[in-house]
Amino acid sequence: NSVQRQNVDYDMKQVYEGPVHLTADNHFSGEHVLDHVGGKGLGGTFTNRRDRFPKDTKQYLHHEKVEANSKRSRVARFKNPIVAVKEVAATAIKKAYTKTIVSFQSTGATNISGV
């Protein structure tokens, strides 16, 4: 039995129309992750822990712990979120991107960051 091999051309099919958009839990987030993902030209949405806010924005965001069982904290969790936006210019090795952080008055890690 001899097997004859032939050269076969396959057409590549584009799976996605644009760059990938990543999502991750707060254990995989932080400003360094936003910079890496954004610089590659990808998108991402992440939950963000209070201790992983960018240093220059922490004073403006909801970063203090509040009592978890307080009726006031339960009602106010998603009221008046603070949104921080930063445009990052392209460099020779990174693409331009926009970083966003949404800080809720929450008792948990429900702050959201993205590029």
PDB file of N, CA and C in Angstrom:
ATOM      1  N   ASN A   1       0.823  -1.180   0.000  1.00  0.00           N
ATOM      2  CA  ASN A   1       0.000   0.000   0.000  1.00  0.00           C
ATOM      3  C   ASN A   1       0.872   1.251   0.000  1.00  0.00           C
ATOM      4  N   SER A   2       0.847   1.966  -1.037  1.00  0.00           N
ATOM      5  CA  SER A   2       1.607   3.207  -1.066  1.00  0.00           C
ATOM      6  C   SER A   2       0.635   4.384  -0.943  1.00  0.00           C
ATOM      7  N   VAL A   3       1.015   5.365  -0.158  1.00  0.00           N
ATOM      8  CA  VAL A   3       0.199   6.559   0.048  1.00  0.00           C
ATOM      9  C   VAL A   3       0.853   7.702  -0.698  1.00  0.00           C
ATOM     10  N   GLN A   4       0.087   8.331  -1.522  1.00  0.00           N
ATOM     11  CA  GLN A   4       0.608   9.446  -2.281  1.00  0.00           C
ATOM     12  C   GLN A   4       0.146  10.750  -1.642  1.00  0.00           C
ATOM     13  N   ARG A   5       1.057  11.650  -1.339  1.00  0.00           N
ATOM     14  CA  ARG A   5       0.708  12.936  -0.719  1.00  0.00           C
ATOM     15  C   ARG A   5       0.576  13.993  -1.806  1.00  0.00           C
ATOM     16  N   GLN A   6      -0.415  14.838  -1.602  1.00  0.00           N
ATOM     17  CA  GLN A   6      -0.626  15.934  -2.532  1.00  0.00           C
ATOM     18  C   GLN A   6      -0.583  17.246  -1.770  1.00  0.00           C
ATOM     19  N   ASN A   7      -0.136  18.269  -2.435  1.00  0.00           N
ATOM     20  CA  ASN A   7      -0.194  19.608  -1.840  1.00  0.00           C
ATOM     21  C   ASN A   7      -1.616  20.122  -1.967  1.00  0.00           C
ATOM     22  N   VAL A   8      -2.207  20.457  -0.835  1.00  0.00           N
ATOM     23  CA  VAL A   8      -3.576  20.949  -0.821  1.00  0.00           C
ATOM     24  C   VAL A   8      -3.555  22.365  -0.257  1.00  0.00           C
ATOM     25  N   ASP A   9      -4.219  23.286  -0.915  1.00  0.00           N
ATOM     26  CA  ASP A   9      -4.325  24.664  -0.437  1.00  0.00           C
ATOM     27  C   ASP A   9      -5.651  24.835   0.283  1.00  0.00           C
ATOM     28  N   TYR A  10      -5.587  25.393   1.468  1.00  0.00           N
ATOM     29  CA  TYR A  10      -6.789  25.669   2.242  1.00  0.00           C
ATOM     30  C   TYR A  10      -6.959  27.179   2.358  1.00  0.00           C
ATOM     31  N   ASP A  11      -8.191  27.629   2.269  1.00  0.00           N
ATOM     32  CA  ASP A  11      -8.481  29.036   2.475  1.00  0.00           C
ATOM     33  C   ASP A  11      -8.642  29.294   3.959  1.00  0.00           C
ATOM     34  N   MET A  12      -7.896  30.274   4.467  1.00  0.00           N
ATOM     35  CA  MET A  12      -8.036  30.646   5.870  1.00  0.00           C
ATOM     36  C   MET A  12      -9.319  31.440   6.037  1.00  0.00           C
ATOM     37  N   LYS A  13     -10.091  31.116   7.056  1.00  0.00           N
ATOM     38  CA  LYS A  13     -11.321  31.842   7.342  1.00  0.00           C
ATOM     39  C   LYS A  13     -11.105  32.690   8.585  1.00  0.00           C
ATOM     40  N   GLN A  14     -11.478  33.940   8.488  1.00  0.00           N
ATOM     41  CA  GLN A  14     -11.371  34.852   9.623  1.00  0.00           C
ATOM     42  C   GLN A  14     -12.411  34.459  10.659  1.00  0.00           C
ATOM     43  N   VAL A  15     -11.968  34.177  11.877  1.00  0.00           N
ATOM     44  CA  VAL A  15     -12.888  33.770  12.935  1.00  0.00           C
ATOM     45  C   VAL A  15     -13.564  34.992  13.548  1.00  0.00           C
ATOM     46  N   TYR A  16     -12.783  36.017  13.859  1.00  0.00           N
ATOM     47  CA  TYR A  16     -13.310  37.223  14.481  1.00  0.00           C
ATOM     48  C   TYR A  16     -13.160  38.404  13.531  1.00  0.00           C
ATOM     49  N   GLU A  17     -14.088  39.341  13.611  1.00  0.00           N
ATOM     50  CA  GLU A  17     -14.016  40.520  12.755  1.00  0.00           C
ATOM     51  C   GLU A  17     -13.008  41.546  13.265  1.00  0.00           C
ATOM     52  N   GLY A  18     -12.730  41.535  14.561  1.00  0.00           N
ATOM     53  CA  GLY A  18     -11.813  42.504  15.146  1.00  0.00           C
ATOM     54  C   GLY A  18     -10.930  41.836  16.183  1.00  0.00           C
ATOM     55  N   PRO A  19     -10.158  42.646  16.897  1.00  0.00           N
ATOM     56  CA  PRO A  19      -9.289  42.087  17.944  1.00  0.00           C
ATOM     57  C   PRO A  19     -10.101  41.436  19.067  1.00  0.00           C
ATOM     58  N   VAL A  20      -9.484  40.553  19.776  1.00  0.00           N
ATOM     59  CA  VAL A  20     -10.118  39.831  20.877  1.00  0.00           C
ATOM     60  C   VAL A  20     -10.401  40.788  22.035  1.00  0.00           C
ATOM     61  N   HIS A  21     -11.494  40.558  22.758  1.00  0.00           N
ATOM     62  CA  HIS A  21     -11.821  41.318  23.966  1.00  0.00           C
ATOM     63  C   HIS A  21     -11.788  40.333  25.130  1.00  0.00           C
ATOM     64  N   LEU A  22     -10.861  40.546  26.062  1.00  0.00           N
ATOM     65  CA  LEU A  22     -10.666  39.641  27.199  1.00  0.00           C
ATOM     66  C   LEU A  22     -11.516  40.059  28.388  1.00  0.00           C
ATOM     67  N   THR A  23     -11.904  39.103  29.204  1.00  0.00           N
ATOM     68  CA  THR A  23     -12.556  39.384  30.483  1.00  0.00           C
ATOM     69  C   THR A  23     -11.849  38.570  31.551  1.00  0.00           C
ATOM     70  N   ALA A  24     -11.735  39.128  32.755  1.00  0.00           N
ATOM     71  CA  ALA A  24     -11.038  38.407  33.821  1.00  0.00           C
ATOM     72  C   ALA A  24     -11.496  38.890  35.179  1.00  0.00           C
ATOM     73  N   ASP A  25     -11.313  38.039  36.151  1.00  0.00           N
ATOM     74  CA  ASP A  25     -11.637  38.333  37.538  1.00  0.00           C
ATOM     75  C   ASP A  25     -10.550  39.219  38.138  1.00  0.00           C
ATOM     76  N   ASN A  26     -10.818  39.762  39.315  1.00  0.00           N
ATOM     77  CA  ASN A  26      -9.904  40.723  39.933  1.00  0.00           C
ATOM     78  C   ASN A  26      -8.529  40.168  40.263  1.00  0.00           C
ATOM     79  N   HIS A  27      -8.357  38.884  40.315  1.00  0.00           N
ATOM     80  CA  HIS A  27      -7.033  38.324  40.608  1.00  0.00           C
ATOM     81  C   HIS A  27      -6.083  38.495  39.424  1.00  0.00           C
ATOM     82  N   PHE A  28      -6.639  38.800  38.258  1.00  0.00           N
ATOM     83  CA  PHE A  28      -5.821  38.949  37.059  1.00  0.00           C
ATOM     84  C   PHE A  28      -5.881  40.369  36.518  1.00  0.00           C
ATOM     85  N   SER A  29      -6.175  41.324  37.379  1.00  0.00           N
ATOM     86  CA  SER A  29      -6.310  42.705  36.913  1.00  0.00           C
ATOM     87  C   SER A  29      -5.277  43.588  37.589  1.00  0.00           C
ATOM     88  N   GLY A  30      -5.245  44.803  37.156  1.00  0.00           N
ATOM     89  CA  GLY A  30      -4.311  45.788  37.687  1.00  0.00           C
ATOM     90  C   GLY A  30      -3.885  46.684  36.548  1.00  0.00           C
ATOM     91  N   GLU A  31      -3.236  47.775  36.881  1.00  0.00           N
ATOM     92  CA  GLU A  31      -2.830  48.733  35.850  1.00  0.00           C
ATOM     93  C   GLU A  31      -1.849  48.113  34.857  1.00  0.00           C
ATOM     94  N   HIS A  32      -0.975  47.235  35.332  1.00  0.00           N
ATOM     95  CA  HIS A  32      -0.013  46.599  34.422  1.00  0.00           C
ATOM     96  C   HIS A  32      -0.714  45.723  33.391  1.00  0.00           C
ATOM     97  N   VAL A  33      -1.826  45.100  33.774  1.00  0.00           N
ATOM     98  CA  VAL A  33      -2.591  44.270  32.836  1.00  0.00           C
ATOM     99  C   VAL A  33      -3.283  45.166  31.802  1.00  0.00           C
ATOM    100  N   LEU A  34      -3.875  46.277  32.264  1.00  0.00           N
ATOM    101  CA  LEU A  34      -4.509  47.217  31.334  1.00  0.00           C
ATOM    102  C   LEU A  34      -3.497  47.731  30.315  1.00  0.00           C
ATOM    103  N   ASP A  35      -2.300  48.085  30.779  1.00  0.00           N
ATOM    104  CA  ASP A  35      -1.267  48.597  29.884  1.00  0.00           C
ATOM    105  C   ASP A  35      -0.821  47.538  28.873  1.00  0.00           C
ATOM    106  N   HIS A  36      -0.669  46.305  29.320  1.00  0.00           N
ATOM    107  CA  HIS A  36      -0.230  45.232  28.427  1.00  0.00           C
ATOM    108  C   HIS A  36      -1.295  44.921  27.374  1.00  0.00           C
ATOM    109  N   VAL A  37      -2.533  44.732  27.824  1.00  0.00           N
ATOM    110  CA  VAL A  37      -3.629  44.383  26.909  1.00  0.00           C
ATOM    111  C   VAL A  37      -3.900  45.536  25.935  1.00  0.00           C
ATOM    112  N   GLY A  38      -3.989  46.760  26.455  1.00  0.00           N
ATOM    113  CA  GLY A  38      -4.241  47.915  25.596  1.00  0.00           C
ATOM    114  C   GLY A  38      -3.123  48.153  24.605  1.00  0.00           C
ATOM    115  N   GLY A  39      -1.879  47.995  25.035  1.00  0.00           N
ATOM    116  CA  GLY A  39      -0.727  48.208  24.165  1.00  0.00           C
ATOM    117  C   GLY A  39      -0.652  47.213  23.023  1.00  0.00           C
ATOM    118  N   LYS A  40      -1.254  46.054  23.214  1.00  0.00           N
ATOM    119  CA  LYS A  40      -1.293  45.032  22.155  1.00  0.00           C
ATOM    120  C   LYS A  40      -2.441  45.270  21.175  1.00  0.00           C
ATOM    121  N   GLY A  41      -3.289  46.258  21.473  1.00  0.00           N
ATOM    122  CA  GLY A  41      -4.414  46.541  20.596  1.00  0.00           C
ATOM    123  C   GLY A  41      -5.638  45.692  20.889  1.00  0.00           C
ATOM    124  N   LEU A  42      -5.646  45.044  22.045  1.00  0.00           N
ATOM    125  CA  LEU A  42      -6.773  44.205  22.438  1.00  0.00           C
ATOM    126  C   LEU A  42      -7.698  44.987  23.361  1.00  0.00           C
ATOM    127  N   GLY A  43      -8.884  44.480  23.575  1.00  0.00           N
ATOM    128  CA  GLY A  43      -9.809  45.067  24.528  1.00  0.00           C
ATOM    129  C   GLY A  43      -9.911  44.177  25.752  1.00  0.00           C
ATOM    130  N   GLY A  44     -10.366  44.747  26.851  1.00  0.00           N
ATOM    131  CA  GLY A  44     -10.520  43.946  28.060  1.00  0.00           C
ATOM    132  C   GLY A  44     -11.437  44.604  29.062  1.00  0.00           C
ATOM    133  N   THR A  45     -12.181  43.782  29.788  1.00  0.00           N
ATOM    134  CA  THR A  45     -13.024  44.236  30.895  1.00  0.00           C
ATOM    135  C   THR A  45     -12.685  43.370  32.093  1.00  0.00           C
ATOM    136  N   PHE A  46     -12.370  44.012  33.219  1.00  0.00           N
ATOM    137  CA  PHE A  46     -11.910  43.284  34.397  1.00  0.00           C
ATOM    138  C   PHE A  46     -12.584  43.823  35.650  1.00  0.00           C
ATOM    139  N   THR A  47     -12.832  42.946  36.613  1.00  0.00           N
ATOM    140  CA  THR A  47     -13.196  43.457  37.930  1.00  0.00           C
ATOM    141  C   THR A  47     -11.895  43.914  38.571  1.00  0.00           C
ATOM    142  N   ASN A  48     -11.997  44.887  39.451  1.00  0.00           N
ATOM    143  CA  ASN A  48     -10.793  45.516  39.978  1.00  0.00           C
ATOM    144  C   ASN A  48     -10.873  45.645  41.491  1.00  0.00           C
ATOM    145  N   ARG A  49      -9.894  45.096  42.194  1.00  0.00           N
ATOM    146  CA  ARG A  49      -9.853  45.217  43.649  1.00  0.00           C
ATOM    147  C   ARG A  49      -9.481  46.628  44.048  1.00  0.00           C
ATOM    148  N   ARG A  50      -9.902  47.010  45.261  1.00  0.00           N
ATOM    149  CA  ARG A  50      -9.602  48.354  45.764  1.00  0.00           C
ATOM    150  C   ARG A  50      -8.111  48.618  45.885  1.00  0.00           C
ATOM    151  N   ASP A  51      -7.318  47.592  46.135  1.00  0.00           N
ATOM    152  CA  ASP A  51      -5.876  47.799  46.301  1.00  0.00           C
ATOM    153  C   ASP A  51      -5.117  47.778  44.971  1.00  0.00           C
ATOM    154  N   ARG A  52      -5.828  47.673  43.859  1.00  0.00           N
ATOM    155  CA  ARG A  52      -5.168  47.660  42.553  1.00  0.00           C
ATOM    156  C   ARG A  52      -5.537  48.856  41.686  1.00  0.00           C
ATOM    157  N   PHE A  53      -6.047  49.903  42.311  1.00  0.00           N
ATOM    158  CA  PHE A  53      -6.300  51.134  41.574  1.00  0.00           C
ATOM    159  C   PHE A  53      -4.972  51.775  41.210  1.00  0.00           C
ATOM    160  N   PRO A  54      -4.899  52.494  40.095  1.00  0.00           N
ATOM    161  CA  PRO A  54      -3.672  53.244  39.795  1.00  0.00           C
ATOM    162  C   PRO A  54      -3.365  54.224  40.936  1.00  0.00           C
ATOM    163  N   LYS A  55      -2.107  54.344  41.299  1.00  0.00           N
ATOM    164  CA  LYS A  55      -1.704  55.142  42.467  1.00  0.00           C
ATOM    165  C   LYS A  55      -2.185  56.585  42.401  1.00  0.00           C
ATOM    166  N   ASP A  56      -2.140  57.189  41.230  1.00  0.00           N
ATOM    167  CA  ASP A  56      -2.514  58.599  41.130  1.00  0.00           C
ATOM    168  C   ASP A  56      -4.020  58.839  41.132  1.00  0.00           C
ATOM    169  N   THR A  57      -4.838  57.791  41.115  1.00  0.00           N
ATOM    170  CA  THR A  57      -6.298  57.965  41.109  1.00  0.00           C
ATOM    171  C   THR A  57      -6.967  57.497  42.398  1.00  0.00           C
ATOM    172  N   LYS A  58      -6.257  56.776  43.230  1.00  0.00           N
ATOM    173  CA  LYS A  58      -6.871  56.157  44.404  1.00  0.00           C
ATOM    174  C   LYS A  58      -7.592  57.161  45.304  1.00  0.00           C
ATOM    175  N   GLN A  59      -7.040  58.348  45.466  1.00  0.00           N
ATOM    176  CA  GLN A  59      -7.658  59.344  46.347  1.00  0.00           C
ATOM    177  C   GLN A  59      -9.023  59.795  45.846  1.00  0.00           C
ATOM    178  N   TYR A  60      -9.294  59.642  44.563  1.00  0.00           N
ATOM    179  CA  TYR A  60     -10.566  60.075  43.992  1.00  0.00           C
ATOM    180  C   TYR A  60     -11.611  58.962  43.919  1.00  0.00           C
ATOM    181  N   LEU A  61     -11.190  57.716  44.121  1.00  0.00           N
ATOM    182  CA  LEU A  61     -12.074  56.563  43.952  1.00  0.00           C
ATOM    183  C   LEU A  61     -12.572  56.034  45.285  1.00  0.00           C
ATOM    184  N   HIS A  62     -13.605  55.214  45.243  1.00  0.00           N
ATOM    185  CA  HIS A  62     -14.143  54.580  46.448  1.00  0.00           C
ATOM    186  C   HIS A  62     -13.222  53.418  46.826  1.00  0.00           C
ATOM    187  N   HIS A  63     -12.323  53.633  47.772  1.00  0.00           N
ATOM    188  CA  HIS A  63     -11.377  52.584  48.124  1.00  0.00           C
ATOM    189  C   HIS A  63     -11.443  52.183  49.598  1.00  0.00           C
ATOM    190  N   GLU A  64     -12.252  52.877  50.409  1.00  0.00           N
ATOM    191  CA  GLU A  64     -12.349  52.511  51.821  1.00  0.00           C
ATOM    192  C   GLU A  64     -13.344  51.368  51.978  1.00  0.00           C
ATOM    193  N   LYS A  65     -13.076  50.520  52.949  1.00  0.00           N
ATOM    194  CA  LYS A  65     -14.025  49.467  53.268  1.00  0.00           C
ATOM    195  C   LYS A  65     -15.195  50.079  54.020  1.00  0.00           C
ATOM    196  N   VAL A  66     -16.387  49.561  53.743  1.00  0.00           N
ATOM    197  CA  VAL A  66     -17.573  49.995  54.468  1.00  0.00           C
ATOM    198  C   VAL A  66     -18.226  48.774  55.080  1.00  0.00           C
ATOM    199  N   GLU A  67     -19.076  49.024  56.044  1.00  0.00           N
ATOM    200  CA  GLU A  67     -19.738  47.920  56.736  1.00  0.00           C
ATOM    201  C   GLU A  67     -20.639  47.169  55.755  1.00  0.00           C
ATOM    202  N   ALA A  68     -20.448  45.870  55.654  1.00  0.00           N
ATOM    203  CA  ALA A  68     -21.155  45.068  54.663  1.00  0.00           C
ATOM    204  C   ALA A  68     -22.654  44.975  54.917  1.00  0.00           C
ATOM    205  N   ASN A  69     -23.075  45.007  56.165  1.00  0.00           N
ATOM    206  CA  ASN A  69     -24.492  44.801  56.478  1.00  0.00           C
ATOM    207  C   ASN A  69     -25.282  46.094  56.669  1.00  0.00           C
ATOM    208  N   SER A  70     -24.661  47.211  56.441  1.00  0.00           N
ATOM    209  CA  SER A  70     -25.351  48.479  56.593  1.00  0.00           C
ATOM    210  C   SER A  70     -26.375  48.656  55.476  1.00  0.00           C
ATOM    211  N   LYS A  71     -27.606  49.085  55.833  1.00  0.00           N
ATOM    212  CA  LYS A  71     -28.621  49.332  54.805  1.00  0.00           C
ATOM    213  C   LYS A  71     -28.174  50.425  53.860  1.00  0.00           C
ATOM    214  N   ARG A  72     -27.491  51.419  54.389  1.00  0.00           N
ATOM    215  CA  ARG A  72     -27.020  52.518  53.562  1.00  0.00           C
ATOM    216  C   ARG A  72     -26.025  52.024  52.515  1.00  0.00           C
ATOM    217  N   SER A  73     -25.096  51.163  52.918  1.00  0.00           N
ATOM    218  CA  SER A  73     -24.108  50.680  51.953  1.00  0.00           C
ATOM    219  C   SER A  73     -24.750  49.791  50.899  1.00  0.00           C
ATOM    220  N   ARG A  74     -25.771  49.038  51.267  1.00  0.00           N
ATOM    221  CA  ARG A  74     -26.456  48.197  50.282  1.00  0.00           C
ATOM    222  C   ARG A  74     -27.176  49.042  49.234  1.00  0.00           C
ATOM    223  N   VAL A  75     -27.819  50.109  49.672  1.00  0.00           N
ATOM    224  CA  VAL A  75     -28.553  50.964  48.758  1.00  0.00           C
ATOM    225  C   VAL A  75     -27.593  51.731  47.850  1.00  0.00           C
ATOM    226  N   ALA A  76     -26.481  52.181  48.400  1.00  0.00           N
ATOM    227  CA  ALA A  76     -25.576  53.075  47.677  1.00  0.00           C
ATOM    228  C   ALA A  76     -24.543  52.355  46.822  1.00  0.00           C
ATOM    229  N   ARG A  77     -24.542  51.054  46.785  1.00  0.00           N
ATOM    230  CA  ARG A  77     -23.472  50.332  46.098  1.00  0.00           C
ATOM    231  C   ARG A  77     -23.248  50.772  44.662  1.00  0.00           C
ATOM    232  N   PHE A  78     -24.311  50.992  43.940  1.00  0.00           N
ATOM    233  CA  PHE A  78     -24.160  51.323  42.524  1.00  0.00           C
ATOM    234  C   PHE A  78     -24.611  52.742  42.203  1.00  0.00           C
ATOM    235  N   LYS A  79     -24.822  53.549  43.229  1.00  0.00           N
ATOM    236  CA  LYS A  79     -25.200  54.952  43.032  1.00  0.00           C
ATOM    237  C   LYS A  79     -23.929  55.789  42.881  1.00  0.00           C
ATOM    238  N   ASN A  80     -24.012  56.795  42.054  1.00  0.00           N
ATOM    239  CA  ASN A  80     -22.933  57.758  41.866  1.00  0.00           C
ATOM    240  C   ASN A  80     -21.553  57.114  41.656  1.00  0.00           C
ATOM    241  N   PRO A  81     -21.414  56.280  40.644  1.00  0.00           N
ATOM    242  CA  PRO A  81     -20.080  55.713  40.399  1.00  0.00           C
ATOM    243  C   PRO A  81     -19.129  56.809  39.924  1.00  0.00           C
ATOM    244  N   ILE A  82     -17.870  56.613  40.194  1.00  0.00           N
ATOM    245  CA  ILE A  82     -16.838  57.533  39.729  1.00  0.00           C
ATOM    246  C   ILE A  82     -16.167  56.874  38.530  1.00  0.00           C
ATOM    247  N   VAL A  83     -16.060  57.607  37.439  1.00  0.00           N
ATOM    248  CA  VAL A  83     -15.464  57.073  36.219  1.00  0.00           C
ATOM    249  C   VAL A  83     -14.189  57.850  35.908  1.00  0.00           C
ATOM    250  N   ALA A  84     -13.087  57.139  35.755  1.00  0.00           N
ATOM    251  CA  ALA A  84     -11.809  57.749  35.385  1.00  0.00           C
ATOM    252  C   ALA A  84     -11.428  57.239  33.998  1.00  0.00           C
ATOM    253  N   VAL A  85     -11.033  58.161  33.132  1.00  0.00           N
ATOM    254  CA  VAL A  85     -10.668  57.812  31.765  1.00  0.00           C
ATOM    255  C   VAL A  85      -9.300  58.407  31.461  1.00  0.00           C
ATOM    256  N   LYS A  86      -8.427  57.603  30.851  1.00  0.00           N
ATOM    257  CA  LYS A  86      -7.103  58.096  30.480  1.00  0.00           C
ATOM    258  C   LYS A  86      -6.760  57.616  29.070  1.00  0.00           C
ATOM    259  N   GLU A  87      -6.441  58.564  28.206  1.00  0.00           N
ATOM    260  CA  GLU A  87      -5.993  58.253  26.852  1.00  0.00           C
ATOM    261  C   GLU A  87      -4.482  58.003  26.908  1.00  0.00           C
ATOM    262  N   VAL A  88      -4.041  56.896  26.327  1.00  0.00           N
ATOM    263  CA  VAL A  88      -2.612  56.568  26.289  1.00  0.00           C
ATOM    264  C   VAL A  88      -2.168  56.617  24.832  1.00  0.00           C
ATOM    265  N   ALA A  89      -1.154  57.406  24.563  1.00  0.00           N
ATOM    266  CA  ALA A  89      -0.664  57.581  23.192  1.00  0.00           C
ATOM    267  C   ALA A  89       0.134  56.362  22.728  1.00  0.00           C
ATOM    268  N   ALA A  90       0.167  56.168  21.437  1.00  0.00           N
ATOM    269  CA  ALA A  90       0.958  55.080  20.855  1.00  0.00           C
ATOM    270  C   ALA A  90       2.445  55.380  20.999  1.00  0.00           C
ATOM    271  N   THR A  91       3.224  54.321  21.072  1.00  0.00           N
ATOM    272  CA  THR A  91       4.681  54.436  21.076  1.00  0.00           C
ATOM    273  C   THR A  91       5.211  53.586  19.929  1.00  0.00           C
ATOM    274  N   ALA A  92       6.506  53.468  19.845  1.00  0.00           N
ATOM    275  CA  ALA A  92       7.113  52.663  18.784  1.00  0.00           C
ATOM    276  C   ALA A  92       6.745  51.184  18.911  1.00  0.00           C
ATOM    277  N   ILE A  93       6.460  50.735  20.146  1.00  0.00           N
ATOM    278  CA  ILE A  93       6.180  49.305  20.344  1.00  0.00           C
ATOM    279  C   ILE A  93       4.771  49.015  20.855  1.00  0.00           C
ATOM    280  N   LYS A  94       3.983  50.052  21.148  1.00  0.00           N
ATOM    281  CA  LYS A  94       2.627  49.851  21.661  1.00  0.00           C
ATOM    282  C   LYS A  94       1.617  50.682  20.886  1.00  0.00           C
ATOM    283  N   LYS A  95       0.404  50.152  20.800  1.00  0.00           N
ATOM    284  CA  LYS A  95      -0.687  50.874  20.138  1.00  0.00           C
ATOM    285  C   LYS A  95      -1.341  51.837  21.122  1.00  0.00           C
ATOM    286  N   ALA A  96      -2.034  52.841  20.598  1.00  0.00           N
ATOM    287  CA  ALA A  96      -2.777  53.785  21.440  1.00  0.00           C
ATOM    288  C   ALA A  96      -4.014  53.084  21.997  1.00  0.00           C
ATOM    289  N   TYR A  97      -4.414  53.447  23.207  1.00  0.00           N
ATOM    290  CA  TYR A  97      -5.594  52.843  23.827  1.00  0.00           C
ATOM    291  C   TYR A  97      -6.149  53.778  24.885  1.00  0.00           C
ATOM    292  N   THR A  98      -7.332  53.457  25.382  1.00  0.00           N
ATOM    293  CA  THR A  98      -7.988  54.230  26.427  1.00  0.00           C
ATOM    294  C   THR A  98      -8.223  53.337  27.629  1.00  0.00           C
ATOM    295  N   LYS A  99      -7.759  53.773  28.810  1.00  0.00           N
ATOM    296  CA  LYS A  99      -8.004  53.039  30.055  1.00  0.00           C
ATOM    297  C   LYS A  99      -9.207  53.660  30.753  1.00  0.00           C
ATOM    298  N   THR A 100     -10.090  52.831  31.277  1.00  0.00           N
ATOM    299  CA  THR A 100     -11.221  53.319  32.060  1.00  0.00           C
ATOM    300  C   THR A 100     -11.324  52.547  33.360  1.00  0.00           C
ATOM    301  N   ILE A 101     -11.728  53.235  34.398  1.00  0.00           N
ATOM    302  CA  ILE A 101     -11.987  52.600  35.693  1.00  0.00           C
ATOM    303  C   ILE A 101     -13.305  53.147  36.201  1.00  0.00           C
ATOM    304  N   VAL A 102     -14.197  52.248  36.607  1.00  0.00           N
ATOM    305  CA  VAL A 102     -15.466  52.633  37.207  1.00  0.00           C
ATOM    306  C   VAL A 102     -15.431  52.154  38.642  1.00  0.00           C
ATOM    307  N   SER A 103     -15.557  53.098  39.574  1.00  0.00           N
ATOM    308  CA  SER A 103     -15.477  52.787  41.000  1.00  0.00           C
ATOM    309  C   SER A 103     -16.862  52.939  41.629  1.00  0.00           C
ATOM    310  N   PHE A 104     -17.377  51.834  42.147  1.00  0.00           N
ATOM    311  CA  PHE A 104     -18.676  51.845  42.806  1.00  0.00           C
ATOM    312  C   PHE A 104     -18.491  51.959  44.319  1.00  0.00           C
ATOM    313  N   GLN A 105     -19.507  52.461  45.017  1.00  0.00           N
ATOM    314  CA  GLN A 105     -19.499  52.513  46.479  1.00  0.00           C
ATOM    315  C   GLN A 105     -19.867  51.122  46.969  1.00  0.00           C
ATOM    316  N   SER A 106     -18.987  50.208  46.859  1.00  0.00           N
ATOM    317  CA  SER A 106     -19.310  48.816  47.114  1.00  0.00           C
ATOM    318  C   SER A 106     -18.466  48.236  48.239  1.00  0.00           C
ATOM    319  N   THR A 107     -18.941  47.124  48.778  1.00  0.00           N
ATOM    320  CA  THR A 107     -18.199  46.424  49.818  1.00  0.00           C
ATOM    321  C   THR A 107     -17.318  45.336  49.216  1.00  0.00           C
ATOM    322  N   GLY A 108     -17.476  45.054  47.939  1.00  0.00           N
ATOM    323  CA  GLY A 108     -16.721  43.971  47.320  1.00  0.00           C
ATOM    324  C   GLY A 108     -15.884  44.453  46.164  1.00  0.00           C
ATOM    325  N   ALA A 109     -15.425  43.505  45.388  1.00  0.00           N
ATOM    326  CA  ALA A 109     -14.556  43.809  44.258  1.00  0.00           C
ATOM    327  C   ALA A 109     -15.370  44.019  42.990  1.00  0.00           C
ATOM    328  N   THR A 110     -16.350  44.904  43.063  1.00  0.00           N
ATOM    329  CA  THR A 110     -17.196  45.129  41.900  1.00  0.00           C
ATOM    330  C   THR A 110     -16.799  46.373  41.127  1.00  0.00           C
ATOM    331  N   ASN A 111     -15.637  46.895  41.382  1.00  0.00           N
ATOM    332  CA  ASN A 111     -15.120  47.987  40.563  1.00  0.00           C
ATOM    333  C   ASN A 111     -14.724  47.387  39.227  1.00  0.00           C
ATOM    334  N   ILE A 112     -14.870  48.157  38.163  1.00  0.00           N
ATOM    335  CA  ILE A 112     -14.624  47.629  36.832  1.00  0.00           C
ATOM    336  C   ILE A 112     -13.570  48.469  36.138  1.00  0.00           C
ATOM    337  N   SER A 113     -12.641  47.810  35.468  1.00  0.00           N
ATOM    338  CA  SER A 113     -11.646  48.518  34.668  1.00  0.00           C
ATOM    339  C   SER A 113     -11.657  47.921  33.273  1.00  0.00           C
ATOM    340  N   GLY A 114     -11.185  48.706  32.315  1.00  0.00           N
ATOM    341  CA  GLY A 114     -11.190  48.203  30.950  1.00  0.00           C
ATOM    342  C   GLY A 114     -10.303  49.007  30.038  1.00  0.00           C
ATOM    343  N   VAL A 115     -10.025  48.420  28.885  1.00  0.00           N
ATOM    344  CA  VAL A 115      -9.286  49.079  27.807  1.00  0.00           C
ATOM    345  C   VAL A 115     -10.033  48.842  26.515  1.00  0.00           C
TER     346      VAL A 115
END
